[in-house]
């Protein structure tokens, strides 16, 4: 955690008279659902101007830094021809970046794609990584894929984003999974484990937009266990705050868990989380304080769920998790510093 003096030092290195940086993002613009892009826009930094997802803008536009998030998503498509065209757009962009000496910064949300692509996609992503000038990682446990410089800018919290929505009191015995429902997030395993618990004192709520095949899986679990209910669509911020607020315990049973926006949503709304023990989750647990992230080893089982709920009810924890180092104004200054570092690197290369 950074001390007050270290924060002041970071801020002082970026003077308010410093030239504005124009940043071309691979993120789509905000659409009314709070996502990472909304948090970045909310940095409210007048020295950084953001432009959003457009191959035309990336190849022909004028900007100072190219900032990539989930680069695999920029070259995927619903048809072979669409994927081919997008890979060629990426090649054209990489040529432009080399000729114009435009720095490329990549945010490491995850080191490897959750759903791997084909060989052509992997070759394109390898070319992109070789061209990347600087990485921004969301936690200090992330190892970048190349030896380029790396800056740690913690994933900001959601407190201010959700502050104007009423937060209901938790309902005893209510367990919640929320977020996009994809195979690696193991919602199927969660529902199986929950159905193995005894008694009518628990309920499981599943909230989120399902990927292909996941809707049928969740609906089958709801039909087989009346204690399981689901809301299978994107939800508004107000609905999300309401669902999280009503939960006594949030369960995120991912098979792979490195960086999770959902766990930070739960922390921001003051709800404890049951999650697998990973290096990044353990680091976050140490940061936010004991009792907020209840880690388990191995498979999620009925006993793990019962034990996690017992710890959530009876374990010691502070009135709220410590998230001061995840304030977006602070994170934004670190990201701005990363942009300026990348510009300086390319200039003196």
Protein backbone atom coordinates (compact mmCIF):
# COMPACT_ATOMS: atom_id res chain seq x y z
CA UNK A 1 0.00 0.00 0.00
CA UNK A 2 1.25 3.50 -0.80
CA UNK A 3 1.77 5.99 1.99
CA UNK A 4 0.40 9.53 1.89
CA UNK A 5 3.89 10.83 1.19
CA UNK A 6 4.35 8.43 -1.74
CA UNK A 7 1.00 9.51 -3.22
CA UNK A 8 1.98 13.17 -2.93
CA UNK A 9 5.30 12.40 -4.64
CA UNK A 10 3.50 10.64 -7.50
CA UNK A 11 1.15 13.57 -7.97
CA UNK A 12 3.92 16.16 -7.84
CA UNK A 13 5.79 14.51 -10.72
CA UNK A 14 2.90 15.36 -13.06
CA UNK A 15 2.50 19.13 -13.16
CA UNK A 16 -0.85 20.60 -14.17
CA UNK A 17 0.86 22.52 -17.00
CA UNK A 18 2.13 19.32 -18.67
CA UNK A 19 0.99 18.88 -22.26
CA UNK A 20 -2.25 17.01 -22.88
CA UNK A 21 -1.94 13.41 -24.11
CA UNK A 22 -4.39 12.02 -26.69
CA UNK A 23 -4.93 8.30 -26.15
CA UNK A 24 -6.53 5.94 -28.63
CA UNK A 25 -8.27 3.17 -26.65
CA UNK A 26 -9.38 -0.24 -27.88
CA UNK A 27 -12.30 0.01 -25.44
CA UNK A 28 -15.76 0.83 -26.76
CA UNK A 29 -17.22 4.07 -25.37
CA UNK A 30 -19.47 3.98 -22.27
CA UNK A 31 -22.92 2.51 -22.93
CA UNK A 32 -24.77 3.04 -19.65
CA UNK A 33 -23.52 -0.11 -17.89
CA UNK A 34 -20.62 0.59 -15.56
CA UNK A 35 -17.54 -1.21 -16.92
CA UNK A 36 -13.80 -0.61 -16.92
CA UNK A 37 -14.13 2.02 -19.64
CA UNK A 38 -16.53 4.05 -17.49
CA UNK A 39 -14.07 4.00 -14.62
CA UNK A 40 -11.26 5.22 -16.88
CA UNK A 41 -13.46 8.00 -18.22
CA UNK A 42 -14.29 8.85 -14.62
CA UNK A 43 -10.64 9.56 -13.85
CA UNK A 44 -11.50 13.19 -14.65
CA UNK A 45 -7.94 13.98 -15.75
CA UNK A 46 -7.83 17.07 -17.98
CA UNK A 47 -4.32 16.15 -19.16
CA UNK A 48 -5.55 12.93 -20.83
CA UNK A 49 -8.04 12.89 -23.73
CA UNK A 50 -9.51 9.48 -24.57
CA UNK A 51 -10.66 8.30 -27.99
CA UNK A 52 -12.47 5.02 -28.38
CA UNK A 53 -12.58 1.75 -30.31
CA UNK A 54 -12.10 2.24 -34.06
CA UNK A 55 -9.68 0.61 -36.47
CA UNK A 56 -10.05 3.67 -38.69
CA UNK A 57 -9.00 5.90 -35.81
CA UNK A 58 -6.16 3.57 -34.84
CA UNK A 59 -4.73 3.42 -38.37
CA UNK A 60 -5.42 6.95 -39.66
CA UNK A 61 -6.12 9.08 -36.58
CA UNK A 62 -3.77 11.44 -34.76
CA UNK A 63 -2.95 10.53 -31.18
CA UNK A 64 0.01 10.21 -28.82
CA UNK A 65 -0.46 6.74 -27.30
CA UNK A 66 -2.28 3.57 -28.30
CA UNK A 67 -3.75 1.81 -25.25
CA UNK A 68 -4.89 -1.79 -25.71
CA UNK A 69 -7.25 -3.81 -23.52
CA UNK A 70 -8.01 -7.47 -24.30
CA UNK A 71 -6.29 -7.29 -27.73
CA UNK A 72 -7.74 -10.66 -28.71
CA UNK A 73 -11.20 -9.08 -28.80
CA UNK A 74 -10.08 -6.58 -31.45
CA UNK A 75 -9.36 -9.35 -33.96
CA UNK A 76 -12.20 -11.76 -33.28
CA UNK A 77 -15.37 -11.90 -35.33
CA UNK A 78 -18.39 -14.00 -36.21
CA UNK A 79 -16.98 -15.25 -39.53
CA UNK A 80 -13.64 -16.35 -40.94
CA UNK A 81 -13.58 -13.38 -43.33
CA UNK A 82 -14.31 -10.89 -40.55
CA UNK A 83 -11.48 -12.33 -38.45
CA UNK A 84 -9.12 -12.22 -41.43
CA UNK A 85 -9.93 -8.55 -42.11
CA UNK A 86 -9.44 -7.60 -38.47
CA UNK A 87 -6.07 -9.33 -38.32
CA UNK A 88 -4.98 -7.39 -41.41
CA UNK A 89 -6.19 -4.17 -39.73
CA UNK A 90 -3.99 -5.04 -36.78
CA UNK A 91 -1.03 -5.56 -39.12
CA UNK A 92 -1.68 -2.17 -40.74
CA UNK A 93 -1.86 -0.54 -37.32
CA UNK A 94 1.43 -2.14 -36.18
CA UNK A 95 3.13 -0.85 -39.35
CA UNK A 96 1.74 2.64 -38.73
CA UNK A 97 2.89 2.54 -35.07
CA UNK A 98 6.43 1.56 -36.10
CA UNK A 99 6.70 4.18 -38.85
CA UNK A 100 5.27 7.01 -36.72
CA UNK A 101 7.02 5.89 -33.50
CA UNK A 102 3.70 5.77 -31.68
CA UNK A 103 3.99 4.02 -28.29
CA UNK A 104 1.80 1.00 -27.60
CA UNK A 105 0.64 0.42 -24.02
CA UNK A 106 -1.20 -2.76 -23.06
CA UNK A 107 -3.34 -3.24 -19.96
CA UNK A 108 -2.82 -6.76 -18.62
CA UNK A 109 -6.34 -7.71 -17.56
CA UNK A 110 -5.32 -11.33 -18.07
CA UNK A 111 -2.06 -12.66 -19.47
CA UNK A 112 -3.74 -15.32 -21.63
CA UNK A 113 -7.23 -15.13 -23.21
CA UNK A 114 -9.85 -17.03 -21.21
CA UNK A 115 -11.11 -18.65 -24.43
CA UNK A 116 -8.05 -19.33 -26.61
CA UNK A 117 -8.23 -18.58 -30.31
CA UNK A 118 -6.81 -20.37 -33.31
CA UNK A 119 -3.21 -20.40 -34.54
CA UNK A 120 -3.68 -17.31 -36.74
CA UNK A 121 -4.98 -15.34 -33.74
CA UNK A 122 -2.07 -16.47 -31.58
CA UNK A 123 0.43 -15.33 -34.22
CA UNK A 124 -1.23 -11.91 -34.38
CA UNK A 125 -1.19 -11.54 -30.59
CA UNK A 126 2.49 -12.52 -30.50
CA UNK A 127 3.24 -9.78 -33.05
CA UNK A 128 1.27 -7.34 -30.92
CA UNK A 129 3.20 -8.23 -27.78
CA UNK A 130 6.54 -7.88 -29.58
CA UNK A 131 5.47 -4.36 -30.61
CA UNK A 132 4.21 -3.35 -27.14
CA UNK A 133 6.35 -0.70 -25.43
CA UNK A 134 4.95 -0.81 -21.89
CA UNK A 135 2.53 -2.90 -19.84
CA UNK A 136 0.12 -1.76 -17.15
CA UNK A 137 -0.82 -4.53 -14.73
CA UNK A 138 -3.75 -4.51 -12.33
CA UNK A 139 -1.96 -6.29 -9.52
CA UNK A 140 1.69 -6.89 -8.59
CA UNK A 141 1.44 -10.67 -9.11
CA UNK A 142 1.06 -10.40 -12.90
CA UNK A 143 4.07 -11.41 -15.00
CA UNK A 144 4.08 -9.64 -18.39
CA UNK A 145 4.57 -11.75 -21.52
CA UNK A 146 7.74 -9.89 -22.62
CA UNK A 147 10.57 -8.03 -20.92
CA UNK A 148 9.16 -4.58 -21.70
CA UNK A 149 8.71 -2.17 -18.75
CA UNK A 150 5.67 -2.69 -16.54
CA UNK A 151 3.76 -0.26 -14.33
CA UNK A 152 1.37 -1.42 -11.59
CA UNK A 153 -1.90 0.54 -11.46
CA UNK A 154 -4.39 -1.25 -9.23
CA UNK A 155 -7.92 -1.82 -10.55
CA UNK A 156 -9.94 1.08 -9.16
CA UNK A 157 -12.93 0.58 -6.88
CA UNK A 158 -16.61 1.09 -7.74
CA UNK A 159 -17.68 3.07 -4.68
CA UNK A 160 -18.23 6.38 -6.45
CA UNK A 161 -19.75 4.70 -9.53
CA UNK A 162 -22.52 3.12 -7.42
CA UNK A 163 -22.79 5.66 -4.61
CA UNK A 164 -26.08 7.17 -5.80
CA UNK A 165 -27.92 3.82 -5.81
CA UNK A 166 -29.59 2.66 -2.56
CA UNK A 167 -27.90 -0.38 -1.01
CA UNK A 168 -30.38 -2.77 0.66
CA UNK A 169 -29.61 -4.81 3.76
CA UNK A 170 -28.40 -8.38 3.22
CA UNK A 171 -30.87 -11.23 3.49
CA UNK A 172 -29.79 -14.08 5.74
CA UNK A 173 -28.85 -17.18 3.76
CA UNK A 174 -28.86 -15.43 0.37
CA UNK A 175 -25.84 -16.36 -1.77
CA UNK A 176 -25.05 -14.59 -5.02
CA UNK A 177 -23.07 -15.14 -8.18
CA UNK A 178 -23.03 -12.18 -10.56
CA UNK A 179 -21.20 -11.34 -13.75
CA UNK A 180 -21.01 -12.66 -17.30
CA UNK A 181 -21.65 -16.42 -17.20
CA UNK A 182 -18.84 -18.17 -19.06
CA UNK A 183 -17.54 -21.74 -18.68
CA UNK A 184 -14.31 -20.77 -16.90
CA UNK A 185 -16.33 -19.01 -14.19
CA UNK A 186 -17.69 -22.40 -13.05
CA UNK A 187 -21.30 -21.41 -12.37
CA UNK A 188 -22.24 -25.01 -13.15
CA UNK A 189 -19.95 -26.21 -10.36
CA UNK A 190 -21.37 -23.61 -7.99
CA UNK A 191 -24.95 -24.73 -8.65
CA UNK A 192 -23.98 -28.39 -8.21
CA UNK A 193 -22.25 -27.68 -4.91
CA UNK A 194 -25.12 -25.52 -3.68
CA UNK A 195 -27.67 -28.24 -4.49
CA UNK A 196 -25.65 -30.54 -2.24
CA UNK A 197 -26.28 -28.32 0.79
CA UNK A 198 -29.05 -29.38 3.19
CA UNK A 199 -32.03 -27.40 4.40
CA UNK A 200 -34.26 -24.58 3.23
CA UNK A 201 -32.29 -21.82 4.95
CA UNK A 202 -30.16 -21.02 1.88
CA UNK A 203 -30.94 -19.59 -1.54
CA UNK A 204 -28.66 -19.09 -4.53
CA UNK A 205 -29.16 -16.19 -6.92
CA UNK A 206 -27.40 -16.16 -10.29
CA UNK A 207 -27.31 -12.83 -12.11
CA UNK A 208 -25.65 -12.04 -15.41
CA UNK A 209 -25.60 -12.43 -19.16
CA UNK A 210 -24.88 -16.03 -20.26
CA UNK A 211 -22.52 -16.97 -23.04
CA UNK A 212 -23.39 -19.72 -25.52
CA UNK A 213 -24.82 -22.81 -23.81
CA UNK A 214 -24.77 -21.30 -20.33
CA UNK A 215 -28.40 -20.17 -20.24
CA UNK A 216 -29.65 -23.73 -20.66
CA UNK A 217 -27.30 -24.94 -17.93
CA UNK A 218 -28.50 -22.33 -15.41
CA UNK A 219 -32.16 -22.85 -16.26
CA UNK A 220 -31.74 -26.62 -15.72
CA UNK A 221 -30.32 -25.97 -12.24
CA UNK A 222 -33.18 -23.60 -11.43
CA UNK A 223 -35.69 -26.25 -12.49
CA UNK A 224 -34.06 -28.97 -10.39
CA UNK A 225 -33.61 -26.92 -7.18
CA UNK A 226 -36.31 -24.38 -6.19
CA UNK A 227 -33.80 -22.59 -3.98
CA UNK A 228 -31.90 -21.44 -7.09
CA UNK A 229 -33.18 -18.44 -9.06
CA UNK A 230 -31.63 -16.47 -11.89
CA UNK A 231 -31.75 -13.20 -13.79
CA UNK A 232 -30.04 -14.01 -17.08
CA UNK A 233 -29.33 -10.70 -18.78
CA UNK A 234 -27.23 -7.61 -18.46
CA UNK A 235 -28.53 -5.65 -15.50
CA UNK A 236 -28.51 -1.94 -14.85
CA UNK A 237 -26.25 -0.45 -12.21
CA UNK A 238 -29.24 0.02 -9.90
CA UNK A 239 -30.25 -3.64 -10.32
CA UNK A 240 -26.70 -4.82 -9.70
CA UNK A 241 -26.36 -2.78 -6.50
CA UNK A 242 -29.72 -4.16 -5.34
CA UNK A 243 -28.74 -7.78 -6.06
CA UNK A 244 -25.33 -7.47 -4.39
CA UNK A 245 -26.80 -5.58 -1.45
CA UNK A 246 -29.33 -8.35 -0.73
CA UNK A 247 -26.61 -11.02 -0.63
CA UNK A 248 -25.16 -12.25 2.63
CA UNK A 249 -22.23 -13.77 0.73
CA UNK A 250 -21.00 -13.41 -2.86
CA UNK A 251 -19.49 -16.57 -4.38
CA UNK A 252 -17.11 -16.36 -7.35
CA UNK A 253 -16.04 -19.96 -8.06
CA UNK A 254 -13.86 -19.33 -11.13
CA UNK A 255 -11.58 -22.06 -12.45
CA UNK A 256 -9.14 -19.26 -13.36
CA UNK A 257 -9.03 -16.09 -11.25
CA UNK A 258 -6.33 -13.48 -11.70
CA UNK A 259 -8.04 -10.11 -11.98
CA UNK A 260 -11.74 -9.80 -11.24
CA UNK A 261 -13.91 -6.72 -11.55
CA UNK A 262 -16.71 -8.62 -9.79
CA UNK A 263 -14.71 -9.12 -6.61
CA UNK A 264 -14.03 -5.38 -6.51
CA UNK A 265 -17.72 -4.61 -7.05
CA UNK A 266 -18.51 -6.77 -4.01
CA UNK A 267 -15.74 -5.10 -1.98
CA UNK A 268 -16.97 -1.66 -3.04
CA UNK A 269 -20.48 -2.51 -1.83
CA UNK A 270 -19.28 -4.03 1.42
CA UNK A 271 -20.13 -7.68 0.83
CA UNK A 272 -17.74 -10.55 1.68
CA UNK A 273 -16.69 -12.92 -1.10
CA UNK A 274 -15.98 -16.65 -1.19
CA UNK A 275 -13.37 -17.29 -3.90
CA UNK A 276 -10.61 -19.77 -4.77
CA UNK A 277 -7.20 -19.25 -3.22
CA UNK A 278 -4.91 -17.69 -5.82
CA UNK A 279 -1.85 -15.50 -5.56
CA UNK A 280 -3.80 -12.43 -6.67
CA UNK A 281 -6.78 -13.12 -4.38
CA UNK A 282 -4.46 -13.60 -1.42
CA UNK A 283 -2.73 -10.30 -2.21
CA UNK A 284 -6.10 -8.54 -2.44
CA UNK A 285 -7.23 -10.12 0.83
CA UNK A 286 -4.10 -8.81 2.56
CA UNK A 287 -4.76 -5.37 1.10
CA UNK A 288 -8.45 -4.98 2.00
CA UNK A 289 -8.18 -6.54 5.44
CA UNK A 290 -9.10 -9.89 7.02
CA UNK A 291 -12.54 -11.42 6.63
CA UNK A 292 -13.55 -9.81 3.37
CA UNK A 293 -12.20 -12.46 0.98
CA UNK A 294 -12.76 -15.99 2.23
CA UNK A 295 -10.49 -18.25 0.22
CA UNK A 296 -10.89 -21.98 -0.34
CA UNK A 297 -8.58 -24.64 -1.75
CA UNK A 298 -9.49 -27.32 -4.26
CA UNK A 299 -13.01 -27.81 -5.59
CA UNK A 300 -16.04 -25.89 -4.39
CA UNK A 301 -18.15 -28.29 -2.30
CA UNK A 302 -21.26 -28.03 -0.10
CA UNK A 303 -18.99 -28.02 2.97
CA UNK A 304 -16.92 -25.17 1.51
CA UNK A 305 -20.10 -23.13 0.98
CA UNK A 306 -21.33 -23.77 4.53
CA UNK A 307 -17.90 -23.02 5.99
CA UNK A 308 -17.61 -19.83 3.94
CA UNK A 309 -21.00 -18.64 5.12
CA UNK A 310 -20.05 -19.39 8.74
CA UNK A 311 -16.88 -17.33 8.33
CA UNK A 312 -18.84 -14.49 6.73
CA UNK A 313 -21.23 -14.45 9.70
CA UNK A 314 -18.83 -14.98 12.57
CA UNK A 315 -15.35 -14.02 11.34
CA UNK A 316 -13.77 -10.70 12.27
CA UNK A 317 -13.59 -7.97 9.68
CA UNK A 318 -13.51 -4.18 9.57
CA UNK A 319 -16.58 -2.01 8.96
CA UNK A 320 -15.55 -1.76 5.31
CA UNK A 321 -12.68 -3.08 3.18
CA UNK A 322 -9.63 -0.87 2.71
CA UNK A 323 -9.70 0.46 -0.86
CA UNK A 324 -7.94 3.81 -0.53
CA UNK A 325 -5.18 2.84 -2.97
CA UNK A 326 -7.85 2.13 -5.58
CA UNK A 327 -9.29 5.62 -5.80
CA UNK A 328 -9.58 6.41 -9.52
CA UNK A 329 -7.98 9.85 -9.32
CA UNK A 330 -4.92 8.19 -7.79
CA UNK A 331 -4.99 5.30 -10.29
CA UNK A 332 -5.44 7.79 -13.11
CA UNK A 333 -2.27 9.65 -12.21
CA UNK A 334 -0.33 6.38 -12.32
CA UNK A 335 -1.79 5.54 -15.74
CA UNK A 336 -0.95 9.03 -17.01
CA UNK A 337 2.60 8.51 -15.78
CA UNK A 338 2.73 5.23 -17.70
CA UNK A 339 1.66 7.01 -20.89
CA UNK A 340 4.38 9.62 -20.45
CA UNK A 341 6.97 6.94 -19.70
CA UNK A 342 6.05 5.09 -22.91
CA UNK A 343 6.26 8.30 -24.94
CA UNK A 344 9.70 9.04 -23.51
CA UNK A 345 10.90 5.49 -24.21
CA UNK A 346 9.91 5.64 -27.86
CA UNK A 347 11.30 9.15 -28.28
CA UNK A 348 14.74 8.10 -27.04
CA UNK A 349 14.82 4.66 -28.62
